[in-house]
Amino acid sequence: MDNHLIKQLDREVDSLRDALANQVDTYNFIIDWLEGELEVNLPIVNGDLELSDGSTDIYIGRSECAESLLKQLKKWEKSRNES
């Protein structure tokens, strides 16, 4: 194998490693954001905080969506780890 090909393969490995790290970072940002949605909306969903504009249903829907997505992500992660 010549040096030029080796350098190309090294660059490809570095590129793939960077892309994978970016995917992991994005996944972690999504998890953090979803958990934040649940935390921020908790007082509204539990009725501890009353909204003057009557938009409580929006916050309940956001919380339900965030919770469902977190559950689905955990399910997918578990199935990946089992295979």
PDB file of N, CA and C in Angstrom:
ATOM      1  N   MET A   1       0.858  -1.169   0.000  1.00  0.00           N
ATOM      2  CA  MET A   1       0.000   0.000   0.000  1.00  0.00           C
ATOM      3  C   MET A   1       0.907   1.236   0.000  1.00  0.00           C
ATOM      4  N   ASP A   2       0.629   2.166  -0.877  1.00  0.00           N
ATOM      5  CA  ASP A   2       1.497   3.342  -0.953  1.00  0.00           C
ATOM      6  C   ASP A   2       1.103   4.391   0.098  1.00  0.00           C
ATOM      7  N   ASN A   3       2.018   5.314   0.347  1.00  0.00           N
ATOM      8  CA  ASN A   3       1.815   6.333   1.383  1.00  0.00           C
ATOM      9  C   ASN A   3       0.618   7.230   1.102  1.00  0.00           C
ATOM     10  N   HIS A   4       0.360   7.525  -0.156  1.00  0.00           N
ATOM     11  CA  HIS A   4      -0.773   8.379  -0.522  1.00  0.00           C
ATOM     12  C   HIS A   4      -2.096   7.731  -0.098  1.00  0.00           C
ATOM     13  N   LEU A   5      -2.238   6.466  -0.360  1.00  0.00           N
ATOM     14  CA  LEU A   5      -3.453   5.740   0.005  1.00  0.00           C
ATOM     15  C   LEU A   5      -3.594   5.667   1.525  1.00  0.00           C
ATOM     16  N   ILE A   6      -2.508   5.441   2.212  1.00  0.00           N
ATOM     17  CA  ILE A   6      -2.532   5.382   3.682  1.00  0.00           C
ATOM     18  C   ILE A   6      -2.986   6.726   4.252  1.00  0.00           C
ATOM     19  N   LYS A   7      -2.475   7.824   3.708  1.00  0.00           N
ATOM     20  CA  LYS A   7      -2.875   9.156   4.170  1.00  0.00           C
ATOM     21  C   LYS A   7      -4.357   9.402   3.898  1.00  0.00           C
ATOM     22  N   GLN A   8      -4.846   8.965   2.749  1.00  0.00           N
ATOM     23  CA  GLN A   8      -6.277   9.107   2.433  1.00  0.00           C
ATOM     24  C   GLN A   8      -7.126   8.326   3.429  1.00  0.00           C
ATOM     25  N   LEU A   9      -6.705   7.108   3.713  1.00  0.00           N
ATOM     26  CA  LEU A   9      -7.459   6.286   4.667  1.00  0.00           C
ATOM     27  C   LEU A   9      -7.418   6.887   6.065  1.00  0.00           C
ATOM     28  N   ASP A  10      -6.296   7.435   6.463  1.00  0.00           N
ATOM     29  CA  ASP A  10      -6.195   8.100   7.763  1.00  0.00           C
ATOM     30  C   ASP A  10      -7.142   9.296   7.847  1.00  0.00           C
ATOM     31  N   ARG A  11      -7.210  10.081   6.765  1.00  0.00           N
ATOM     32  CA  ARG A  11      -8.132  11.220   6.735  1.00  0.00           C
ATOM     33  C   ARG A  11      -9.581  10.749   6.811  1.00  0.00           C
ATOM     34  N   GLU A  12      -9.881   9.654   6.134  1.00  0.00           N
ATOM     35  CA  GLU A  12     -11.241   9.114   6.171  1.00  0.00           C
ATOM     36  C   GLU A  12     -11.597   8.634   7.571  1.00  0.00           C
ATOM     37  N   VAL A  13     -10.675   7.965   8.237  1.00  0.00           N
ATOM     38  CA  VAL A  13     -10.901   7.504   9.614  1.00  0.00           C
ATOM     39  C   VAL A  13     -11.137   8.706  10.521  1.00  0.00           C
ATOM     40  N   ASP A  14     -10.308   9.751  10.387  1.00  0.00           N
ATOM     41  CA  ASP A  14     -10.487  10.956  11.199  1.00  0.00           C
ATOM     42  C   ASP A  14     -11.836  11.609  10.935  1.00  0.00           C
ATOM     43  N   SER A  15     -12.241  11.650   9.668  1.00  0.00           N
ATOM     44  CA  SER A  15     -13.525  12.234   9.302  1.00  0.00           C
ATOM     45  C   SER A  15     -14.683  11.446   9.911  1.00  0.00           C
ATOM     46  N   LEU A  16     -14.606  10.142   9.840  1.00  0.00           N
ATOM     47  CA  LEU A  16     -15.655   9.294  10.422  1.00  0.00           C
ATOM     48  C   LEU A  16     -15.695   9.418  11.942  1.00  0.00           C
ATOM     49  N   ARG A  17     -14.525   9.513  12.558  1.00  0.00           N
ATOM     50  CA  ARG A  17     -14.450   9.676  14.011  1.00  0.00           C
ATOM     51  C   ARG A  17     -15.098  11.002  14.425  1.00  0.00           C
ATOM     52  N   ASP A  18     -14.811  12.073  13.671  1.00  0.00           N
ATOM     53  CA  ASP A  18     -15.424  13.375  13.959  1.00  0.00           C
ATOM     54  C   ASP A  18     -16.938  13.335  13.775  1.00  0.00           C
ATOM     55  N   ALA A  19     -17.382  12.679  12.717  1.00  0.00           N
ATOM     56  CA  ALA A  19     -18.822  12.579  12.456  1.00  0.00           C
ATOM     57  C   ALA A  19     -19.522  11.808  13.567  1.00  0.00           C
ATOM     58  N   LEU A  20     -18.907  10.742  14.039  1.00  0.00           N
ATOM     59  CA  LEU A  20     -19.493   9.953  15.123  1.00  0.00           C
ATOM     60  C   LEU A  20     -19.544  10.766  16.411  1.00  0.00           C
ATOM     61  N   ALA A  21     -18.476  11.492  16.715  1.00  0.00           N
ATOM     62  CA  ALA A  21     -18.459  12.332  17.913  1.00  0.00           C
ATOM     63  C   ALA A  21     -19.547  13.395  17.824  1.00  0.00           C
ATOM     64  N   ASN A  22     -19.768  13.951  16.638  1.00  0.00           N
ATOM     65  CA  ASN A  22     -20.809  14.944  16.450  1.00  0.00           C
ATOM     66  C   ASN A  22     -22.189  14.338  16.689  1.00  0.00           C
ATOM     67  N   GLN A  23     -22.399  13.120  16.225  1.00  0.00           N
ATOM     68  CA  GLN A  23     -23.681  12.440  16.442  1.00  0.00           C
ATOM     69  C   GLN A  23     -23.931  12.201  17.929  1.00  0.00           C
ATOM     70  N   VAL A  24     -22.896  11.796  18.642  1.00  0.00           N
ATOM     71  CA  VAL A  24     -23.021  11.559  20.083  1.00  0.00           C
ATOM     72  C   VAL A  24     -23.345  12.874  20.790  1.00  0.00           C
ATOM     73  N   ASP A  25     -22.655  13.947  20.412  1.00  0.00           N
ATOM     74  CA  ASP A  25     -22.927  15.254  21.015  1.00  0.00           C
ATOM     75  C   ASP A  25     -24.367  15.685  20.752  1.00  0.00           C
ATOM     76  N   THR A  26     -24.825  15.511  19.531  1.00  0.00           N
ATOM     77  CA  THR A  26     -26.196  15.885  19.178  1.00  0.00           C
ATOM     78  C   THR A  26     -27.202  15.074  19.983  1.00  0.00           C
ATOM     79  N   TYR A  27     -26.963  13.770  20.098  1.00  0.00           N
ATOM     80  CA  TYR A  27     -27.840  12.899  20.885  1.00  0.00           C
ATOM     81  C   TYR A  27     -27.904  13.397  22.332  1.00  0.00           C
ATOM     82  N   ASN A  28     -26.744  13.718  22.904  1.00  0.00           N
ATOM     83  CA  ASN A  28     -26.706  14.187  24.291  1.00  0.00           C
ATOM     84  C   ASN A  28     -27.413  15.529  24.445  1.00  0.00           C
ATOM     85  N   PHE A  29     -27.283  16.426  23.464  1.00  0.00           N
ATOM     86  CA  PHE A  29     -28.000  17.702  23.509  1.00  0.00           C
ATOM     87  C   PHE A  29     -29.512  17.471  23.475  1.00  0.00           C
ATOM     88  N   ILE A  30     -29.953  16.536  22.653  1.00  0.00           N
ATOM     89  CA  ILE A  30     -31.387  16.230  22.555  1.00  0.00           C
ATOM     90  C   ILE A  30     -31.908  15.699  23.891  1.00  0.00           C
ATOM     91  N   ILE A  31     -31.182  14.762  24.488  1.00  0.00           N
ATOM     92  CA  ILE A  31     -31.590  14.206  25.785  1.00  0.00           C
ATOM     93  C   ILE A  31     -31.669  15.313  26.827  1.00  0.00           C
ATOM     94  N   ASP A  32     -30.634  16.155  26.892  1.00  0.00           N
ATOM     95  CA  ASP A  32     -30.629  17.257  27.862  1.00  0.00           C
ATOM     96  C   ASP A  32     -31.801  18.202  27.640  1.00  0.00           C
ATOM     97  N   TRP A  33     -32.092  18.512  26.377  1.00  0.00           N
ATOM     98  CA  TRP A  33     -33.186  19.423  26.081  1.00  0.00           C
ATOM     99  C   TRP A  33     -34.538  18.812  26.490  1.00  0.00           C
ATOM    100  N   LEU A  34     -34.735  17.538  26.171  1.00  0.00           N
ATOM    101  CA  LEU A  34     -35.993  16.876  26.530  1.00  0.00           C
ATOM    102  C   LEU A  34     -36.171  16.826  28.044  1.00  0.00           C
ATOM    103  N   GLU A  35     -35.100  16.504  28.762  1.00  0.00           N
ATOM    104  CA  GLU A  35     -35.183  16.475  30.224  1.00  0.00           C
ATOM    105  C   GLU A  35     -35.465  17.873  30.776  1.00  0.00           C
ATOM    106  N   GLY A  36     -34.888  18.889  30.148  1.00  0.00           N
ATOM    107  CA  GLY A  36     -35.157  20.267  30.546  1.00  0.00           C
ATOM    108  C   GLY A  36     -36.609  20.649  30.322  1.00  0.00           C
ATOM    109  N   GLU A  37     -37.176  20.199  29.214  1.00  0.00           N
ATOM    110  CA  GLU A  37     -38.600  20.457  28.945  1.00  0.00           C
ATOM    111  C   GLU A  37     -39.470  19.881  30.060  1.00  0.00           C
ATOM    112  N   LEU A  38     -39.156  18.673  30.482  1.00  0.00           N
ATOM    113  CA  LEU A  38     -39.943  18.058  31.554  1.00  0.00           C
ATOM    114  C   LEU A  38     -39.800  18.849  32.856  1.00  0.00           C
ATOM    115  N   GLU A  39     -38.590  19.262  33.150  1.00  0.00           N
ATOM    116  CA  GLU A  39     -38.323  19.995  34.387  1.00  0.00           C
ATOM    117  C   GLU A  39     -39.007  21.363  34.398  1.00  0.00           C
ATOM    118  N   VAL A  40     -38.884  22.082  33.298  1.00  0.00           N
ATOM    119  CA  VAL A  40     -39.451  23.433  33.215  1.00  0.00           C
ATOM    120  C   VAL A  40     -40.976  23.393  33.242  1.00  0.00           C
ATOM    121  N   ASN A  41     -41.556  22.402  32.604  1.00  0.00           N
ATOM    122  CA  ASN A  41     -43.013  22.327  32.502  1.00  0.00           C
ATOM    123  C   ASN A  41     -43.666  21.652  33.695  1.00  0.00           C
ATOM    124  N   LEU A  42     -42.890  21.027  34.561  1.00  0.00           N
ATOM    125  CA  LEU A  42     -43.442  20.282  35.694  1.00  0.00           C
ATOM    126  C   LEU A  42     -44.377  21.115  36.564  1.00  0.00           C
ATOM    127  N   PRO A  43     -44.010  22.346  36.959  1.00  0.00           N
ATOM    128  CA  PRO A  43     -44.945  23.120  37.804  1.00  0.00           C
ATOM    129  C   PRO A  43     -46.282  23.404  37.122  1.00  0.00           C
ATOM    130  N   ILE A  44     -46.255  23.563  35.799  1.00  0.00           N
ATOM    131  CA  ILE A  44     -47.486  23.850  35.065  1.00  0.00           C
ATOM    132  C   ILE A  44     -48.333  22.583  34.964  1.00  0.00           C
ATOM    133  N   VAL A  45     -47.690  21.482  34.621  1.00  0.00           N
ATOM    134  CA  VAL A  45     -48.392  20.213  34.463  1.00  0.00           C
ATOM    135  C   VAL A  45     -48.993  19.759  35.789  1.00  0.00           C
ATOM    136  N   ASN A  46     -48.269  19.953  36.877  1.00  0.00           N
ATOM    137  CA  ASN A  46     -48.753  19.539  38.200  1.00  0.00           C
ATOM    138  C   ASN A  46     -49.775  20.502  38.796  1.00  0.00           C
ATOM    139  N   GLY A  47     -49.983  21.645  38.150  1.00  0.00           N
ATOM    140  CA  GLY A  47     -50.940  22.621  38.649  1.00  0.00           C
ATOM    141  C   GLY A  47     -50.372  23.537  39.718  1.00  0.00           C
ATOM    142  N   ASP A  48     -49.057  23.447  39.968  1.00  0.00           N
ATOM    143  CA  ASP A  48     -48.430  24.320  40.961  1.00  0.00           C
ATOM    144  C   ASP A  48     -48.294  25.748  40.442  1.00  0.00           C
ATOM    145  N   LEU A  49     -48.323  25.901  39.126  1.00  0.00           N
ATOM    146  CA  LEU A  49     -48.187  27.219  38.508  1.00  0.00           C
ATOM    147  C   LEU A  49     -49.352  27.406  37.554  1.00  0.00           C
ATOM    148  N   GLU A  50     -50.109  28.462  37.768  1.00  0.00           N
ATOM    149  CA  GLU A  50     -51.267  28.725  36.921  1.00  0.00           C
ATOM    150  C   GLU A  50     -50.909  29.800  35.895  1.00  0.00           C
ATOM    151  N   LEU A  51     -51.271  29.573  34.659  1.00  0.00           N
ATOM    152  CA  LEU A  51     -50.962  30.521  33.592  1.00  0.00           C
ATOM    153  C   LEU A  51     -52.173  31.409  33.338  1.00  0.00           C
ATOM    154  N   SER A  52     -51.920  32.702  33.200  1.00  0.00           N
ATOM    155  CA  SER A  52     -53.020  33.652  33.036  1.00  0.00           C
ATOM    156  C   SER A  52     -53.649  33.605  31.644  1.00  0.00           C
ATOM    157  N   ASP A  53     -52.912  33.087  30.672  1.00  0.00           N
ATOM    158  CA  ASP A  53     -53.442  33.077  29.301  1.00  0.00           C
ATOM    159  C   ASP A  53     -54.139  31.765  28.937  1.00  0.00           C
ATOM    160  N   GLY A  54     -54.234  30.837  29.870  1.00  0.00           N
ATOM    161  CA  GLY A  54     -54.944  29.585  29.617  1.00  0.00           C
ATOM    162  C   GLY A  54     -54.239  28.627  28.682  1.00  0.00           C
ATOM    163  N   SER A  55     -52.920  28.757  28.545  1.00  0.00           N
ATOM    164  CA  SER A  55     -52.173  27.906  27.610  1.00  0.00           C
ATOM    165  C   SER A  55     -51.588  26.657  28.277  1.00  0.00           C
ATOM    166  N   THR A  56     -52.181  26.251  29.367  1.00  0.00           N
ATOM    167  CA  THR A  56     -51.680  25.088  30.109  1.00  0.00           C
ATOM    168  C   THR A  56     -51.606  23.845  29.228  1.00  0.00           C
ATOM    169  N   ASP A  57     -52.580  23.654  28.356  1.00  0.00           N
ATOM    170  CA  ASP A  57     -52.601  22.467  27.496  1.00  0.00           C
ATOM    171  C   ASP A  57     -51.361  22.373  26.610  1.00  0.00           C
ATOM    172  N   ILE A  58     -50.847  23.514  26.181  1.00  0.00           N
ATOM    173  CA  ILE A  58     -49.633  23.514  25.359  1.00  0.00           C
ATOM    174  C   ILE A  58     -48.471  22.922  26.145  1.00  0.00           C
ATOM    175  N   TYR A  59     -48.331  23.340  27.397  1.00  0.00           N
ATOM    176  CA  TYR A  59     -47.229  22.852  28.229  1.00  0.00           C
ATOM    177  C   TYR A  59     -47.405  21.384  28.591  1.00  0.00           C
ATOM    178  N   ILE A  60     -48.625  20.978  28.797  1.00  0.00           N
ATOM    179  CA  ILE A  60     -48.897  19.561  29.065  1.00  0.00           C
ATOM    180  C   ILE A  60     -48.529  18.739  27.835  1.00  0.00           C
ATOM    181  N   GLY A  61     -48.895  19.211  26.650  1.00  0.00           N
ATOM    182  CA  GLY A  61     -48.554  18.516  25.406  1.00  0.00           C
ATOM    183  C   GLY A  61     -47.052  18.448  25.180  1.00  0.00           C
ATOM    184  N   ARG A  62     -46.350  19.544  25.482  1.00  0.00           N
ATOM    185  CA  ARG A  62     -44.888  19.550  25.346  1.00  0.00           C
ATOM    186  C   ARG A  62     -44.268  18.524  26.282  1.00  0.00           C
ATOM    187  N   SER A  63     -44.763  18.451  27.500  1.00  0.00           N
ATOM    188  CA  SER A  63     -44.235  17.497  28.469  1.00  0.00           C
ATOM    189  C   SER A  63     -44.503  16.060  28.038  1.00  0.00           C
ATOM    190  N   GLU A  64     -45.718  15.821  27.566  1.00  0.00           N
ATOM    191  CA  GLU A  64     -46.057  14.475  27.093  1.00  0.00           C
ATOM    192  C   GLU A  64     -45.173  14.069  25.924  1.00  0.00           C
ATOM    193  N   CYS A  65     -44.936  14.988  25.012  1.00  0.00           N
ATOM    194  CA  CYS A  65     -44.088  14.707  23.856  1.00  0.00           C
ATOM    195  C   CYS A  65     -42.654  14.429  24.300  1.00  0.00           C
ATOM    196  N   ALA A  66     -42.121  15.276  25.179  1.00  0.00           N
ATOM    197  CA  ALA A  66     -40.749  15.094  25.664  1.00  0.00           C
ATOM    198  C   ALA A  66     -40.605  13.757  26.387  1.00  0.00           C
ATOM    199  N   GLU A  67     -41.572  13.430  27.217  1.00  0.00           N
ATOM    200  CA  GLU A  67     -41.522  12.167  27.958  1.00  0.00           C
ATOM    201  C   GLU A  67     -41.590  10.970  27.003  1.00  0.00           C
ATOM    202  N   SER A  68     -42.462  11.045  26.012  1.00  0.00           N
ATOM    203  CA  SER A  68     -42.584   9.956  25.041  1.00  0.00           C
ATOM    204  C   SER A  68     -41.306   9.783  24.226  1.00  0.00           C
ATOM    205  N   LEU A  69     -40.707  10.887  23.813  1.00  0.00           N
ATOM    206  CA  LEU A  69     -39.460  10.812  23.048  1.00  0.00           C
ATOM    207  C   LEU A  69     -38.331  10.216  23.886  1.00  0.00           C
ATOM    208  N   LEU A  70     -38.233  10.624  25.142  1.00  0.00           N
ATOM    209  CA  LEU A  70     -37.198  10.056  26.014  1.00  0.00           C
ATOM    210  C   LEU A  70     -37.390   8.552  26.176  1.00  0.00           C
ATOM    211  N   LYS A  71     -38.634   8.119  26.371  1.00  0.00           N
ATOM    212  CA  LYS A  71     -38.913   6.687  26.504  1.00  0.00           C
ATOM    213  C   LYS A  71     -38.539   5.938  25.225  1.00  0.00           C
ATOM    214  N   GLN A  72     -38.883   6.519  24.079  1.00  0.00           N
ATOM    215  CA  GLN A  72     -38.578   5.871  22.804  1.00  0.00           C
ATOM    216  C   GLN A  72     -37.075   5.797  22.577  1.00  0.00           C
ATOM    217  N   LEU A  73     -36.353   6.869  22.872  1.00  0.00           N
ATOM    218  CA  LEU A  73     -34.895   6.862  22.720  1.00  0.00           C
ATOM    219  C   LEU A  73     -34.247   5.802  23.610  1.00  0.00           C
ATOM    220  N   LYS A  74     -34.740   5.674  24.840  1.00  0.00           N
ATOM    221  CA  LYS A  74     -34.211   4.643  25.745  1.00  0.00           C
ATOM    222  C   LYS A  74     -34.509   3.249  25.215  1.00  0.00           C
ATOM    223  N   LYS A  75     -35.698   3.064  24.647  1.00  0.00           N
ATOM    224  CA  LYS A  75     -36.077   1.770  24.077  1.00  0.00           C
ATOM    225  C   LYS A  75     -35.156   1.415  22.904  1.00  0.00           C
ATOM    226  N   TRP A  76     -34.902   2.383  22.018  1.00  0.00           N
ATOM    227  CA  TRP A  76     -34.023   2.141  20.874  1.00  0.00           C
ATOM    228  C   TRP A  76     -32.604   1.848  21.335  1.00  0.00           C
ATOM    229  N   GLU A  77     -32.147   2.587  22.341  1.00  0.00           N
ATOM    230  CA  GLU A  77     -30.794   2.372  22.858  1.00  0.00           C
ATOM    231  C   GLU A  77     -30.675   0.976  23.468  1.00  0.00           C
ATOM    232  N   LYS A  78     -31.696   0.562  24.194  1.00  0.00           N
ATOM    233  CA  LYS A  78     -31.684  -0.765  24.798  1.00  0.00           C
ATOM    234  C   LYS A  78     -31.653  -1.851  23.726  1.00  0.00           C
ATOM    235  N   SER A  79     -32.457  -1.698  22.678  1.00  0.00           N
ATOM    236  CA  SER A  79     -32.494  -2.714  21.624  1.00  0.00           C
ATOM    237  C   SER A  79     -31.174  -2.755  20.860  1.00  0.00           C
ATOM    238  N   ARG A  80     -30.515  -1.614  20.690  1.00  0.00           N
ATOM    239  CA  ARG A  80     -29.193  -1.592  20.043  1.00  0.00           C
ATOM    240  C   ARG A  80     -28.162  -2.319  20.895  1.00  0.00           C
ATOM    241  N   ASN A  81     -28.224  -2.112  22.204  1.00  0.00           N
ATOM    242  CA  ASN A  81     -27.262  -2.739  23.108  1.00  0.00           C
ATOM    243  C   ASN A  81     -27.464  -4.253  23.213  1.00  0.00           C
ATOM    244  N   GLU A  82     -28.684  -4.705  22.984  1.00  0.00           N
ATOM    245  CA  GLU A  82     -28.976  -6.139  23.064  1.00  0.00           C
ATOM    246  C   GLU A  82     -28.561  -6.894  21.799  1.00  0.00           C
ATOM    247  N   SER A  83     -28.406  -6.172  20.701  1.00  0.00           N
ATOM    248  CA  SER A  83     -28.065  -6.854  19.451  1.00  0.00           C
ATOM    249  C   SER A  83     -26.571  -6.909  19.208  1.00  0.00           C
TER     250      SER A  83
END
